[in-house]
Amino acid sequence: MLTLYSGKASSDTITIITPFNNSGCGVDFQVGKDYIVYATYKDEVNISSKFNRQSKSNSTYFAHSCSRTALWTREEHDEINRLVKK
């Protein structure tokens, strides 16, 4: 983890759970690339009302591409910093 924009980090190493394909808004994270990850403790991509997944660990999060999680860009980084400083 390079930059934490909001919240608290319990560790510099975290686990991200994401759907396994693009149609489910999954993110194909690649080693060596930087990402801006919008993550939550609760899985926001509900496949069914029968599943209500929520992390019980402070180092495990859910993320998906439909939440703007994507490769790092200067524009997104600057926009986050602008909004966080308000």
Protein backbone atom coordinates (compact mmCIF):
# COMPACT_ATOMS: atom_id res chain seq x y z
CA MET A 1 0.00 0.00 0.00
CA LEU A 2 1.53 3.27 -1.12
CA THR A 3 -1.08 5.86 -0.15
CA LEU A 4 -4.08 5.63 2.16
CA TYR A 5 -6.60 8.33 1.29
CA SER A 6 -9.21 7.53 3.91
CA GLY A 7 -9.68 5.24 6.89
CA LYS A 8 -7.06 3.37 8.90
CA ALA A 9 -4.62 0.72 7.84
CA SER A 10 -3.80 -2.10 10.20
CA SER A 11 -0.91 -3.23 8.04
CA ASP A 12 0.94 -2.32 4.87
CA THR A 13 -0.25 -5.67 3.49
CA ILE A 14 -3.95 -6.21 2.85
CA THR A 15 -6.14 -8.79 1.11
CA ILE A 16 -8.50 -7.64 -1.63
CA ILE A 17 -11.39 -9.90 -2.65
CA THR A 18 -12.82 -9.18 -6.09
CA PRO A 19 -15.18 -11.03 -8.44
CA PHE A 20 -13.33 -13.41 -10.79
CA ASN A 21 -14.47 -11.90 -14.09
CA ASN A 22 -15.20 -8.56 -15.75
CA SER A 23 -18.93 -9.20 -16.07
CA GLY A 24 -19.07 -9.35 -12.26
CA CYS A 25 -17.02 -6.13 -12.02
CA GLY A 26 -13.89 -8.09 -11.12
CA VAL A 27 -10.49 -6.42 -11.22
CA ASP A 28 -7.62 -8.25 -12.91
CA PHE A 29 -4.87 -6.95 -10.63
CA GLN A 30 -1.40 -7.30 -12.16
CA VAL A 31 1.80 -7.59 -10.15
CA GLY A 32 4.02 -4.53 -10.55
CA LYS A 33 1.22 -2.12 -11.47
CA ASP A 34 -0.21 0.57 -9.21
CA TYR A 35 -3.94 0.88 -8.61
CA ILE A 36 -6.33 3.21 -6.87
CA VAL A 37 -8.61 0.82 -5.01
CA TYR A 38 -12.00 1.79 -3.65
CA ALA A 39 -12.53 -0.93 -1.06
CA THR A 40 -15.00 -1.66 1.72
CA TYR A 41 -15.43 -4.19 4.51
CA LYS A 42 -18.77 -5.20 3.00
CA ASP A 43 -19.14 -6.83 -0.41
CA GLU A 44 -21.15 -4.33 -2.46
CA VAL A 45 -21.55 -6.63 -5.47
CA ASN A 46 -24.35 -8.86 -4.27
CA ILE A 47 -24.92 -11.80 -6.59
CA SER A 48 -27.95 -12.83 -4.58
CA SER A 49 -29.82 -11.60 -1.54
CA LYS A 50 -28.78 -14.90 0.07
CA PHE A 51 -25.19 -13.69 0.30
CA ASN A 52 -24.27 -10.86 2.63
CA ARG A 53 -20.50 -11.03 2.81
CA GLN A 54 -18.64 -8.82 5.22
CA SER A 55 -15.02 -8.94 6.31
CA LYS A 56 -14.29 -9.75 9.93
CA SER A 57 -10.65 -8.83 9.46
CA ASN A 58 -9.27 -5.31 9.48
CA SER A 59 -6.89 -6.29 6.67
CA THR A 60 -9.38 -7.89 4.24
CA TYR A 61 -11.50 -5.79 1.89
CA PHE A 62 -13.84 -6.15 -1.08
CA ALA A 63 -13.22 -4.15 -4.27
CA HIS A 64 -14.58 -4.14 -7.80
CA SER A 65 -14.16 -2.18 -11.00
CA CYS A 66 -17.71 -0.81 -10.84
CA SER A 67 -16.58 1.26 -7.83
CA ARG A 68 -13.90 3.09 -9.85
CA THR A 69 -11.09 0.76 -8.80
CA ALA A 70 -8.61 1.02 -11.68
CA LEU A 71 -5.00 1.58 -12.62
CA TRP A 72 -3.43 4.56 -10.84
CA THR A 73 -3.64 7.86 -12.70
CA ARG A 74 -2.43 11.31 -11.69
CA GLU A 75 -5.90 12.74 -12.42
CA GLU A 76 -7.69 10.31 -10.07
CA HIS A 77 -5.02 10.78 -7.39
CA ASP A 78 -5.34 14.59 -7.56
CA GLU A 79 -9.16 14.41 -7.49
CA ILE A 80 -9.13 12.21 -4.38
CA ASN A 81 -6.71 14.56 -2.64
CA ARG A 82 -8.89 17.53 -3.55
CA LEU A 83 -12.01 15.86 -2.15
CA VAL A 84 -10.33 14.56 1.00
CA LYS A 85 -9.03 18.02 1.89
CA LYS A 86 -12.54 19.56 1.87
